[in-house]
Amino acid sequence: MIVRSFKKDAMVSPVLNRPTLVLNRNWQPVGVATVSRSLTLVWNDTARVVDPHDFRQYSWADWSRMAPGGDEPFIQAVSQRLRVPEVIVLRHYDRVHTSVVTFSRRNIYKRDRYTCQYCFAQPGSEELTIDHVLPRAQGGGSSWENCVLACVSCNKRKANRTPEQAHMPLARKPARPAWKPMYAWHAVRIESWSKFVSEAYWNVELDE
């Protein structure tokens, strides 16, 4: 049986550990799961695979009959190759994601899009550093609202001054970001996810 085959190979197949975007039944992103977990949900009839090209939904029976094409990643089952789902939609779950994004160096880089918030340069992660808007020397703490990315040059120029004191206006006021799939998975970028993730939707602050 195919489902037993991909579970058996889960420890050795990197494809099974690729990310799959999970939508609720209202087609709102609510999480990221591994391909192995996603296929299990589809097998159990808890979810349907969504084709990101035409938005059609597929049950396990339908999806397992579709052969992968070209350079598309696949899972080698006992008797066939199985397509790898990039997006699934849950059949009954209708809640929205309310998790708080972890305050970490990695997520600050993601929030600020690897861009210096003073000069807009994108020199690469090795030439970027985290700057305290209100310097620690003036009582500033480490938080989403007081930390931004700055290139090494701007960081040295600003020194222990506020943006106003240094005459270096910020590109935008720093804030705690709303959860997005990009914060849940960092190893692989899936281009088709952009069709399901609205910037306007995810930037709206949820009531707690």
N, C-alpha and C. Protein backbone atom coordinates (compact mmCIF):
# COMPACT_ATOMS: atom_id res chain seq x y z
N MET A 1 0.85 -1.20 0.00
CA MET A 1 0.00 0.00 0.00
C MET A 1 0.88 1.25 0.00
N ILE A 2 0.56 2.25 -0.78
CA ILE A 2 1.40 3.42 -0.97
C ILE A 2 1.62 4.18 0.32
N VAL A 3 0.58 4.37 1.10
CA VAL A 3 0.72 5.17 2.31
C VAL A 3 1.72 4.53 3.27
N ARG A 4 1.76 3.22 3.35
CA ARG A 4 2.71 2.52 4.21
C ARG A 4 4.11 2.70 3.68
N SER A 5 4.25 2.77 2.34
CA SER A 5 5.56 2.92 1.74
C SER A 5 6.19 4.26 2.07
N PHE A 6 5.43 5.37 1.94
CA PHE A 6 6.07 6.67 2.21
C PHE A 6 6.32 6.86 3.69
N LYS A 7 5.53 6.23 4.55
CA LYS A 7 5.82 6.31 5.99
C LYS A 7 7.11 5.55 6.30
N LYS A 8 7.29 4.42 5.68
CA LYS A 8 8.48 3.61 5.91
C LYS A 8 9.73 4.34 5.47
N ASP A 9 9.65 5.12 4.37
CA ASP A 9 10.81 5.80 3.82
C ASP A 9 11.02 7.19 4.40
N ALA A 10 10.18 7.60 5.36
CA ALA A 10 10.23 8.98 5.86
C ALA A 10 11.58 9.33 6.47
N MET A 11 12.30 8.34 7.02
CA MET A 11 13.56 8.63 7.68
C MET A 11 14.69 8.83 6.68
N VAL A 12 14.52 8.39 5.45
CA VAL A 12 15.62 8.44 4.49
C VAL A 12 15.34 9.34 3.31
N SER A 13 14.12 9.76 3.11
CA SER A 13 13.80 10.58 1.96
C SER A 13 13.69 12.05 2.33
N PRO A 14 14.60 12.92 1.84
CA PRO A 14 14.51 14.34 2.16
C PRO A 14 13.26 15.00 1.59
N VAL A 15 12.71 14.41 0.52
CA VAL A 15 11.49 14.96 -0.08
C VAL A 15 10.35 14.95 0.91
N LEU A 16 10.28 13.92 1.75
CA LEU A 16 9.19 13.80 2.72
C LEU A 16 9.27 14.87 3.79
N ASN A 17 10.42 15.51 3.93
CA ASN A 17 10.59 16.56 4.93
C ASN A 17 10.45 17.97 4.35
N ARG A 18 10.13 18.06 3.06
CA ARG A 18 9.88 19.37 2.46
C ARG A 18 8.62 19.98 3.07
N PRO A 19 8.49 21.32 3.02
CA PRO A 19 7.31 21.96 3.61
C PRO A 19 6.10 21.96 2.68
N THR A 20 4.94 21.86 3.27
CA THR A 20 3.66 21.99 2.58
C THR A 20 2.84 23.05 3.31
N LEU A 21 2.30 23.99 2.57
CA LEU A 21 1.46 25.02 3.16
C LEU A 21 0.09 24.43 3.50
N VAL A 22 -0.39 24.70 4.71
CA VAL A 22 -1.68 24.18 5.17
C VAL A 22 -2.68 25.32 5.25
N LEU A 23 -3.81 25.17 4.54
CA LEU A 23 -4.89 26.15 4.57
C LEU A 23 -6.06 25.61 5.39
N ASN A 24 -6.81 26.50 6.02
CA ASN A 24 -8.05 26.04 6.64
C ASN A 24 -9.13 25.94 5.57
N ARG A 25 -10.32 25.55 5.93
CA ARG A 25 -11.35 25.32 4.91
C ARG A 25 -11.81 26.61 4.24
N ASN A 26 -11.44 27.77 4.84
CA ASN A 26 -11.73 29.06 4.23
C ASN A 26 -10.56 29.55 3.38
N TRP A 27 -9.60 28.69 3.14
CA TRP A 27 -8.43 28.96 2.30
C TRP A 27 -7.53 30.04 2.90
N GLN A 28 -7.43 30.06 4.23
CA GLN A 28 -6.52 30.96 4.92
C GLN A 28 -5.35 30.15 5.45
N PRO A 29 -4.10 30.58 5.25
CA PRO A 29 -2.93 29.82 5.75
C PRO A 29 -2.96 29.71 7.26
N VAL A 30 -2.79 28.49 7.77
CA VAL A 30 -2.81 28.27 9.21
C VAL A 30 -1.58 27.50 9.70
N GLY A 31 -0.71 27.09 8.81
CA GLY A 31 0.46 26.37 9.26
C GLY A 31 1.30 25.83 8.12
N VAL A 32 2.38 25.17 8.50
CA VAL A 32 3.27 24.52 7.55
C VAL A 32 3.56 23.13 8.09
N ALA A 33 3.41 22.13 7.25
CA ALA A 33 3.65 20.74 7.65
C ALA A 33 4.62 20.09 6.68
N THR A 34 5.21 19.00 7.09
CA THR A 34 6.07 18.25 6.18
C THR A 34 5.20 17.54 5.14
N VAL A 35 5.82 17.18 4.03
CA VAL A 35 5.10 16.43 3.00
C VAL A 35 4.56 15.13 3.58
N SER A 36 5.35 14.47 4.42
CA SER A 36 4.91 13.22 5.03
C SER A 36 3.63 13.42 5.83
N ARG A 37 3.60 14.45 6.66
CA ARG A 37 2.42 14.74 7.47
C ARG A 37 1.23 15.13 6.59
N SER A 38 1.50 15.92 5.56
CA SER A 38 0.44 16.37 4.67
C SER A 38 -0.22 15.21 3.94
N LEU A 39 0.59 14.28 3.46
CA LEU A 39 0.04 13.13 2.75
C LEU A 39 -0.76 12.24 3.70
N THR A 40 -0.34 12.18 4.94
CA THR A 40 -1.11 11.42 5.93
C THR A 40 -2.48 12.03 6.13
N LEU A 41 -2.55 13.37 6.19
CA LEU A 41 -3.83 14.06 6.34
C LEU A 41 -4.74 13.82 5.14
N VAL A 42 -4.14 13.80 3.96
CA VAL A 42 -4.93 13.55 2.74
C VAL A 42 -5.39 12.09 2.73
N TRP A 43 -4.51 11.17 3.10
CA TRP A 43 -4.86 9.75 3.15
C TRP A 43 -6.02 9.52 4.11
N ASN A 44 -6.01 10.23 5.25
CA ASN A 44 -7.06 10.07 6.25
C ASN A 44 -8.34 10.84 5.90
N ASP A 45 -8.33 11.49 4.75
CA ASP A 45 -9.48 12.26 4.27
C ASP A 45 -9.76 13.49 5.15
N THR A 46 -8.72 13.96 5.83
CA THR A 46 -8.84 15.17 6.64
C THR A 46 -8.55 16.41 5.81
N ALA A 47 -7.84 16.21 4.70
CA ALA A 47 -7.44 17.33 3.85
C ALA A 47 -7.48 16.91 2.39
N ARG A 48 -7.41 17.91 1.52
CA ARG A 48 -7.32 17.71 0.08
C ARG A 48 -6.06 18.41 -0.42
N VAL A 49 -5.43 17.83 -1.43
CA VAL A 49 -4.31 18.50 -2.07
C VAL A 49 -4.86 19.59 -2.98
N VAL A 50 -4.21 20.76 -2.96
CA VAL A 50 -4.60 21.86 -3.83
C VAL A 50 -3.54 22.03 -4.91
N ASP A 51 -3.95 22.01 -6.15
CA ASP A 51 -3.03 22.30 -7.25
C ASP A 51 -2.88 23.82 -7.35
N PRO A 52 -1.68 24.39 -7.08
CA PRO A 52 -1.53 25.85 -7.07
C PRO A 52 -1.69 26.51 -8.43
N HIS A 53 -1.71 25.71 -9.49
CA HIS A 53 -1.84 26.27 -10.83
C HIS A 53 -3.30 26.55 -11.21
N ASP A 54 -4.19 25.64 -10.85
CA ASP A 54 -5.60 25.83 -11.22
C ASP A 54 -6.54 25.77 -10.01
N PHE A 55 -5.96 25.60 -8.79
CA PHE A 55 -6.71 25.61 -7.53
C PHE A 55 -7.69 24.44 -7.38
N ARG A 56 -7.54 23.42 -8.20
CA ARG A 56 -8.39 22.25 -8.06
C ARG A 56 -7.97 21.45 -6.84
N GLN A 57 -8.94 20.76 -6.22
CA GLN A 57 -8.68 19.96 -5.04
C GLN A 57 -8.71 18.47 -5.41
N TYR A 58 -7.81 17.72 -4.76
CA TYR A 58 -7.69 16.30 -5.08
C TYR A 58 -7.73 15.45 -3.81
N SER A 59 -8.50 14.40 -3.85
CA SER A 59 -8.50 13.41 -2.77
C SER A 59 -7.27 12.53 -2.95
N TRP A 60 -7.05 11.63 -1.99
CA TRP A 60 -5.91 10.72 -2.11
C TRP A 60 -6.02 9.87 -3.38
N ALA A 61 -7.21 9.35 -3.65
CA ALA A 61 -7.38 8.49 -4.82
C ALA A 61 -7.05 9.23 -6.11
N ASP A 62 -7.49 10.49 -6.19
CA ASP A 62 -7.23 11.29 -7.40
C ASP A 62 -5.75 11.66 -7.50
N TRP A 63 -5.17 12.10 -6.39
CA TRP A 63 -3.78 12.57 -6.40
C TRP A 63 -2.81 11.44 -6.69
N SER A 64 -3.07 10.27 -6.14
CA SER A 64 -2.15 9.14 -6.32
C SER A 64 -2.13 8.63 -7.75
N ARG A 65 -3.13 8.99 -8.54
CA ARG A 65 -3.16 8.56 -9.94
C ARG A 65 -2.44 9.54 -10.86
N MET A 66 -2.02 10.68 -10.35
CA MET A 66 -1.38 11.71 -11.18
C MET A 66 0.13 11.56 -11.14
N ALA A 67 0.73 11.26 -12.28
CA ALA A 67 2.18 11.06 -12.35
C ALA A 67 2.90 12.40 -12.35
N PRO A 68 4.03 12.51 -11.66
CA PRO A 68 4.81 13.74 -11.67
C PRO A 68 5.42 13.98 -13.06
N GLY A 69 5.60 15.24 -13.40
CA GLY A 69 6.14 15.55 -14.71
C GLY A 69 7.43 16.33 -14.65
N GLY A 70 8.25 16.20 -15.67
CA GLY A 70 9.47 16.97 -15.80
C GLY A 70 10.40 16.81 -14.61
N ASP A 71 10.86 17.95 -14.09
CA ASP A 71 11.78 17.95 -12.95
C ASP A 71 11.05 18.05 -11.62
N GLU A 72 9.75 17.82 -11.63
CA GLU A 72 8.95 17.92 -10.42
C GLU A 72 9.41 16.88 -9.39
N PRO A 73 9.59 17.29 -8.11
CA PRO A 73 9.99 16.31 -7.09
C PRO A 73 8.91 15.25 -6.91
N PHE A 74 9.33 14.06 -6.51
CA PHE A 74 8.38 12.96 -6.35
C PHE A 74 8.83 12.04 -5.23
N ILE A 75 7.89 11.20 -4.80
CA ILE A 75 8.18 10.17 -3.80
C ILE A 75 8.12 8.82 -4.52
N GLN A 76 9.17 8.03 -4.35
CA GLN A 76 9.21 6.72 -4.98
C GLN A 76 8.51 5.72 -4.08
N ALA A 77 7.30 5.32 -4.45
CA ALA A 77 6.57 4.31 -3.70
C ALA A 77 6.92 2.92 -4.25
N VAL A 78 6.23 1.92 -3.76
CA VAL A 78 6.55 0.54 -4.15
C VAL A 78 6.38 0.34 -5.65
N SER A 79 5.26 0.82 -6.18
CA SER A 79 4.96 0.53 -7.59
C SER A 79 4.79 1.77 -8.45
N GLN A 80 5.00 2.97 -7.88
CA GLN A 80 4.79 4.18 -8.66
C GLN A 80 5.48 5.37 -8.02
N ARG A 81 5.52 6.47 -8.77
CA ARG A 81 6.03 7.73 -8.26
C ARG A 81 4.85 8.62 -7.88
N LEU A 82 4.95 9.23 -6.69
CA LEU A 82 3.85 10.04 -6.18
C LEU A 82 4.26 11.52 -6.19
N ARG A 83 3.38 12.36 -6.69
CA ARG A 83 3.65 13.80 -6.72
C ARG A 83 3.75 14.36 -5.30
N VAL A 84 4.56 15.39 -5.14
CA VAL A 84 4.74 16.04 -3.84
C VAL A 84 3.80 17.24 -3.75
N PRO A 85 2.91 17.27 -2.77
CA PRO A 85 1.99 18.41 -2.64
C PRO A 85 2.69 19.64 -2.07
N GLU A 86 2.37 20.81 -2.61
CA GLU A 86 2.91 22.07 -2.09
C GLU A 86 1.91 22.77 -1.19
N VAL A 87 0.61 22.49 -1.42
CA VAL A 87 -0.46 23.12 -0.65
C VAL A 87 -1.55 22.10 -0.38
N ILE A 88 -2.06 22.09 0.85
CA ILE A 88 -3.24 21.28 1.16
C ILE A 88 -4.26 22.16 1.86
N VAL A 89 -5.53 21.78 1.78
CA VAL A 89 -6.60 22.51 2.46
C VAL A 89 -7.34 21.53 3.38
N LEU A 90 -7.50 21.93 4.64
CA LEU A 90 -8.19 21.10 5.61
C LEU A 90 -9.70 21.15 5.35
N ARG A 91 -10.35 20.04 5.51
CA ARG A 91 -11.76 19.95 5.14
C ARG A 91 -12.70 20.55 6.18
N HIS A 92 -12.32 20.54 7.45
CA HIS A 92 -13.26 20.97 8.49
C HIS A 92 -12.72 22.08 9.39
N TYR A 93 -11.42 22.27 9.45
CA TYR A 93 -10.82 23.26 10.35
C TYR A 93 -11.03 24.66 9.79
N ASP A 94 -11.61 25.58 10.56
CA ASP A 94 -11.88 26.92 10.04
C ASP A 94 -11.29 28.04 10.89
N ARG A 95 -10.49 27.71 11.91
CA ARG A 95 -9.87 28.75 12.72
C ARG A 95 -8.68 29.38 11.99
N VAL A 96 -8.24 30.56 12.47
CA VAL A 96 -7.10 31.23 11.86
C VAL A 96 -5.89 31.11 12.77
N HIS A 97 -4.72 31.37 12.22
CA HIS A 97 -3.49 31.23 12.96
C HIS A 97 -3.30 32.42 13.90
N THR A 98 -3.01 32.16 15.17
CA THR A 98 -2.82 33.24 16.14
C THR A 98 -1.49 33.14 16.88
N SER A 99 -0.57 32.32 16.41
CA SER A 99 0.71 32.17 17.08
C SER A 99 1.53 33.46 17.00
N VAL A 100 2.32 33.70 18.02
CA VAL A 100 3.20 34.86 18.06
C VAL A 100 4.54 34.48 17.44
N VAL A 101 5.08 35.35 16.59
CA VAL A 101 6.37 35.11 15.97
C VAL A 101 7.47 35.23 17.02
N THR A 102 8.34 34.24 17.10
CA THR A 102 9.43 34.25 18.07
C THR A 102 10.39 35.41 17.78
N PHE A 103 10.75 36.13 18.83
CA PHE A 103 11.71 37.22 18.70
C PHE A 103 13.10 36.61 18.63
N SER A 104 13.68 36.58 17.42
CA SER A 104 14.98 35.97 17.21
C SER A 104 15.73 36.71 16.12
N ARG A 105 17.03 36.50 16.07
CA ARG A 105 17.84 37.14 15.04
C ARG A 105 17.35 36.75 13.65
N ARG A 106 17.07 35.46 13.45
CA ARG A 106 16.61 34.99 12.14
C ARG A 106 15.34 35.71 11.71
N ASN A 107 14.39 35.88 12.64
CA ASN A 107 13.11 36.49 12.28
C ASN A 107 13.20 38.00 12.10
N ILE A 108 14.14 38.64 12.77
CA ILE A 108 14.36 40.07 12.51
C ILE A 108 14.86 40.25 11.08
N TYR A 109 15.76 39.39 10.66
CA TYR A 109 16.26 39.45 9.29
C TYR A 109 15.13 39.25 8.29
N LYS A 110 14.24 38.32 8.60
CA LYS A 110 13.11 38.06 7.70
C LYS A 110 12.14 39.24 7.67
N ARG A 111 11.82 39.78 8.86
CA ARG A 111 10.89 40.91 8.91
C ARG A 111 11.40 42.09 8.10
N ASP A 112 12.69 42.40 8.24
CA ASP A 112 13.27 43.55 7.57
C ASP A 112 13.79 43.22 6.18
N ARG A 113 13.57 41.99 5.74
CA ARG A 113 13.87 41.55 4.38
C ARG A 113 15.34 41.76 4.00
N TYR A 114 16.21 41.48 4.97
CA TYR A 114 17.65 41.56 4.74
C TYR A 114 18.07 42.93 4.18
N THR A 115 17.37 43.96 4.65
CA THR A 115 17.59 45.33 4.15
C THR A 115 17.93 46.27 5.30
N CYS A 116 18.95 47.10 5.12
CA CYS A 116 19.29 48.11 6.12
C CYS A 116 18.12 49.09 6.22
N GLN A 117 17.64 49.33 7.43
CA GLN A 117 16.48 50.19 7.62
C GLN A 117 16.82 51.67 7.64
N TYR A 118 18.09 51.98 7.36
CA TYR A 118 18.51 53.38 7.30
C TYR A 118 18.87 53.81 5.87
N CYS A 119 19.60 52.96 5.16
CA CYS A 119 20.04 53.36 3.80
C CYS A 119 19.45 52.47 2.71
N PHE A 120 18.65 51.45 3.10
CA PHE A 120 17.95 50.55 2.17
C PHE A 120 18.88 49.60 1.42
N ALA A 121 20.14 49.52 1.83
CA ALA A 121 21.08 48.62 1.16
C ALA A 121 20.78 47.17 1.53
N GLN A 122 21.14 46.24 0.64
CA GLN A 122 21.01 44.81 0.87
C GLN A 122 22.37 44.16 0.63
N PRO A 123 23.30 44.37 1.54
CA PRO A 123 24.67 43.91 1.33
C PRO A 123 24.91 42.43 1.60
N GLY A 124 23.91 41.74 2.09
CA GLY A 124 24.08 40.34 2.47
C GLY A 124 24.12 40.21 3.98
N SER A 125 23.74 39.06 4.49
CA SER A 125 23.59 38.88 5.93
C SER A 125 24.87 39.12 6.71
N GLU A 126 26.03 38.83 6.10
CA GLU A 126 27.29 39.01 6.83
C GLU A 126 27.62 40.48 7.04
N GLU A 127 27.04 41.37 6.23
CA GLU A 127 27.31 42.80 6.36
C GLU A 127 26.16 43.54 7.03
N LEU A 128 25.25 42.80 7.64
CA LEU A 128 24.13 43.40 8.36
C LEU A 128 24.25 43.08 9.84
N THR A 129 23.75 43.98 10.66
CA THR A 129 23.77 43.78 12.10
C THR A 129 22.46 44.30 12.68
N ILE A 130 22.19 43.96 13.91
CA ILE A 130 20.95 44.40 14.56
C ILE A 130 21.23 45.67 15.37
N ASP A 131 20.50 46.71 15.07
CA ASP A 131 20.67 48.00 15.74
C ASP A 131 19.51 48.26 16.69
N HIS A 132 19.81 48.83 17.86
CA HIS A 132 18.78 49.25 18.80
C HIS A 132 18.39 50.69 18.48
N VAL A 133 17.15 50.90 18.09
CA VAL A 133 16.69 52.23 17.71
C VAL A 133 16.96 53.23 18.84
N LEU A 134 16.46 52.93 20.02
CA LEU A 134 16.85 53.67 21.22
C LEU A 134 18.02 52.89 21.80
N PRO A 135 19.23 53.43 21.71
CA PRO A 135 20.43 52.68 22.12
C PRO A 135 20.33 52.15 23.54
N ARG A 136 20.97 51.02 23.75
CA ARG A 136 21.00 50.45 25.10
C ARG A 136 21.66 51.40 26.09
N ALA A 137 22.60 52.22 25.59
CA ALA A 137 23.26 53.19 26.45
C ALA A 137 22.28 54.25 26.96
N GLN A 138 21.15 54.40 26.25
CA GLN A 138 20.13 55.35 26.67
C GLN A 138 18.90 54.66 27.27
N GLY A 139 19.05 53.39 27.58
CA GLY A 139 17.97 52.66 28.23
C GLY A 139 17.12 51.82 27.30
N GLY A 140 17.48 51.71 26.03
CA GLY A 140 16.70 50.91 25.09
C GLY A 140 16.88 49.42 25.30
N GLY A 141 15.79 48.67 25.15
CA GLY A 141 15.85 47.22 25.33
C GLY A 141 15.79 46.48 24.00
N SER A 142 15.87 45.17 24.08
CA SER A 142 15.79 44.32 22.90
C SER A 142 14.36 43.84 22.73
N SER A 143 13.71 44.32 21.68
CA SER A 143 12.31 43.97 21.42
C SER A 143 12.03 44.17 19.94
N TRP A 144 10.89 43.65 19.49
CA TRP A 144 10.48 43.86 18.10
C TRP A 144 10.38 45.35 17.78
N GLU A 145 9.95 46.15 18.76
CA GLU A 145 9.68 47.57 18.52
C GLU A 145 10.94 48.42 18.61
N ASN A 146 12.08 47.83 19.05
CA ASN A 146 13.29 48.65 19.22
C ASN A 146 14.50 48.09 18.49
N CYS A 147 14.32 47.05 17.70
CA CYS A 147 15.45 46.46 16.97
C CYS A 147 15.17 46.45 15.47
N VAL A 148 16.17 46.85 14.70
CA VAL A 148 16.06 46.86 13.24
C VAL A 148 17.39 46.39 12.65
N LEU A 149 17.33 46.02 11.38
CA LEU A 149 18.56 45.68 10.67
C LEU A 149 19.26 46.96 10.22
N ALA A 150 20.58 46.96 10.31
CA ALA A 150 21.39 48.08 9.82
C ALA A 150 22.66 47.52 9.21
N CYS A 151 23.11 48.12 8.13
CA CYS A 151 24.38 47.70 7.56
C CYS A 151 25.49 48.17 8.50
N VAL A 152 26.67 47.59 8.37
CA VAL A 152 27.78 47.91 9.26
C VAL A 152 28.10 49.40 9.22
N SER A 153 28.06 49.99 8.03
CA SER A 153 28.38 51.41 7.88
C SER A 153 27.39 52.29 8.63
N CYS A 154 26.08 52.03 8.47
CA CYS A 154 25.07 52.83 9.14
C CYS A 154 25.11 52.62 10.66
N ASN A 155 25.40 51.40 11.05
CA ASN A 155 25.45 51.11 12.48
C ASN A 155 26.57 51.91 13.15
N LYS A 156 27.72 52.00 12.48
CA LYS A 156 28.84 52.77 13.02
C LYS A 156 28.51 54.26 13.02
N ARG A 157 27.86 54.71 11.95
CA ARG A 157 27.53 56.13 11.84
C ARG A 157 26.52 56.55 12.91
N LYS A 158 25.54 55.71 13.16
CA LYS A 158 24.51 56.04 14.15
C LYS A 158 25.07 55.98 15.57
N ALA A 159 25.93 54.98 15.81
CA ALA A 159 26.57 54.82 17.12
C ALA A 159 25.53 54.76 18.24
N ASN A 160 25.79 55.45 19.35
CA ASN A 160 24.88 55.40 20.51
C ASN A 160 23.91 56.58 20.50
N ARG A 161 23.32 56.82 19.33
CA ARG A 161 22.36 57.91 19.19
C ARG A 161 21.03 57.36 18.69
N THR A 162 19.98 58.12 18.87
CA THR A 162 18.69 57.77 18.30
C THR A 162 18.70 58.18 16.83
N PRO A 163 17.76 57.69 16.03
CA PRO A 163 17.70 58.13 14.62
C PRO A 163 17.57 59.65 14.50
N GLU A 164 16.82 60.26 15.39
CA GLU A 164 16.64 61.72 15.34
C GLU A 164 17.95 62.43 15.66
N GLN A 165 18.66 61.94 16.66
CA GLN A 165 19.92 62.56 17.04
C GLN A 165 20.97 62.40 15.95
N ALA A 166 20.91 61.29 15.22
CA ALA A 166 21.89 61.03 14.16
C ALA A 166 21.43 61.54 12.80
N HIS A 167 20.21 62.09 12.74
CA HIS A 167 19.62 62.54 11.46
C HIS A 167 19.60 61.40 10.44
N MET A 168 19.16 60.23 10.92
CA MET A 168 19.08 59.04 10.09
C MET A 168 17.68 58.43 10.24
N PRO A 169 16.71 58.91 9.48
CA PRO A 169 15.34 58.41 9.62
C PRO A 169 15.22 56.93 9.23
N LEU A 170 14.34 56.24 9.93
CA LEU A 170 14.10 54.84 9.64
C LEU A 170 13.23 54.67 8.40
N ALA A 171 13.43 53.56 7.70
CA ALA A 171 12.59 53.27 6.54
C ALA A 171 11.14 53.07 6.97
N ARG A 172 10.94 52.44 8.12
CA ARG A 172 9.60 52.23 8.67
C ARG A 172 9.73 51.95 10.16
N LYS A 173 8.68 52.22 10.88
CA LYS A 173 8.68 52.00 12.32
C LYS A 173 8.67 50.50 12.59
N PRO A 174 9.61 50.00 13.39
CA PRO A 174 9.64 48.55 13.68
C PRO A 174 8.47 48.12 14.53
N ALA A 175 7.97 46.93 14.27
CA ALA A 175 6.83 46.40 15.02
C ALA A 175 6.90 44.88 15.02
N ARG A 176 6.18 44.28 15.93
CA ARG A 176 6.10 42.81 15.97
C ARG A 176 5.32 42.33 14.75
N PRO A 177 5.88 41.44 13.95
CA PRO A 177 5.19 40.99 12.75
C PRO A 177 4.08 39.98 13.05
N ALA A 178 3.08 39.97 12.20
CA ALA A 178 2.06 38.92 12.27
C ALA A 178 2.65 37.64 11.70
N TRP A 179 2.11 36.51 12.14
CA TRP A 179 2.64 35.23 11.68
C TRP A 179 2.42 35.04 10.18
N LYS A 180 3.44 34.49 9.51
CA LYS A 180 3.34 34.10 8.11
C LYS A 180 4.08 32.79 7.94
N PRO A 181 3.78 32.04 6.87
CA PRO A 181 4.51 30.80 6.66
C PRO A 181 6.02 30.98 6.61
N MET A 182 6.49 32.14 6.16
CA MET A 182 7.94 32.38 6.07
C MET A 182 8.61 32.30 7.44
N TYR A 183 7.86 32.57 8.51
CA TYR A 183 8.44 32.49 9.84
C TYR A 183 8.41 31.07 10.38
N ALA A 184 7.60 30.21 9.77
CA ALA A 184 7.48 28.84 10.25
C ALA A 184 8.47 27.90 9.56
N TRP A 185 8.98 28.30 8.41
CA TRP A 185 9.88 27.41 7.65
C TRP A 185 10.93 28.25 6.95
N HIS A 186 12.19 27.87 7.07
CA HIS A 186 13.25 28.68 6.49
C HIS A 186 14.16 27.92 5.54
N ALA A 187 13.99 26.60 5.42
CA ALA A 187 14.92 25.82 4.64
C ALA A 187 14.63 25.86 3.14
N VAL A 188 13.36 25.94 2.77
CA VAL A 188 12.98 25.88 1.36
C VAL A 188 11.96 26.98 1.06
N ARG A 189 12.14 27.66 -0.05
CA ARG A 189 11.19 28.68 -0.46
C ARG A 189 10.28 28.10 -1.54
N ILE A 190 8.98 28.12 -1.34
CA ILE A 190 8.00 27.59 -2.29
C ILE A 190 7.29 28.77 -2.95
N GLU A 191 7.57 28.99 -4.23
CA GLU A 191 7.03 30.16 -4.93
C GLU A 191 5.51 30.15 -5.00
N SER A 192 4.91 28.96 -5.15
CA SER A 192 3.46 28.89 -5.32
C SER A 192 2.70 29.35 -4.08
N TRP A 193 3.36 29.40 -2.92
CA TRP A 193 2.68 29.83 -1.70
C TRP A 193 2.20 31.27 -1.81
N SER A 194 2.88 32.08 -2.60
CA SER A 194 2.52 33.51 -2.69
C SER A 194 1.10 33.70 -3.20
N LYS A 195 0.57 32.70 -3.89
CA LYS A 195 -0.80 32.81 -4.39
C LYS A 195 -1.83 32.69 -3.27
N PHE A 196 -1.40 32.16 -2.14
CA PHE A 196 -2.34 31.91 -1.04
C PHE A 196 -2.08 32.79 0.18
N VAL A 197 -1.00 33.55 0.15
CA VAL A 197 -0.64 34.39 1.29
C VAL A 197 -0.77 35.85 0.91
N SER A 198 -1.78 36.51 1.41
CA SER A 198 -2.02 37.93 1.12
C SER A 198 -1.27 38.80 2.12
N GLU A 199 -0.44 39.70 1.62
CA GLU A 199 0.28 40.61 2.50
C GLU A 199 -0.69 41.44 3.33
N ALA A 200 -1.75 41.90 2.71
CA ALA A 200 -2.73 42.72 3.44
C ALA A 200 -3.37 41.92 4.56
N TYR A 201 -3.71 40.67 4.28
CA TYR A 201 -4.35 39.83 5.29
C TYR A 201 -3.44 39.57 6.48
N TRP A 202 -2.17 39.21 6.18
CA TRP A 202 -1.27 38.82 7.25
C TRP A 202 -0.69 39.99 8.02
N ASN A 203 -0.80 41.21 7.50
CA ASN A 203 -0.30 42.38 8.22
C ASN A 203 -1.33 42.97 9.14
N VAL A 204 -2.56 42.49 9.09
CA VAL A 204 -3.60 42.96 10.01
C VAL A 204 -3.38 42.31 11.37
N GLU A 205 -3.32 43.13 12.41
CA GLU A 205 -3.11 42.61 13.75
C GLU A 205 -4.38 41.92 14.25
N LEU A 206 -4.25 40.71 14.77
CA LEU A 206 -5.39 39.97 15.27
C LEU A 206 -5.71 40.38 16.70
N ASP A 207 -7.00 40.36 17.05
CA ASP A 207 -7.39 40.62 18.44
C ASP A 207 -6.98 39.45 19.29
N GLU A 208 -6.40 39.72 20.45
CA GLU A 208 -5.93 38.64 21.34
C GLU A 208 -6.96 38.36 22.43
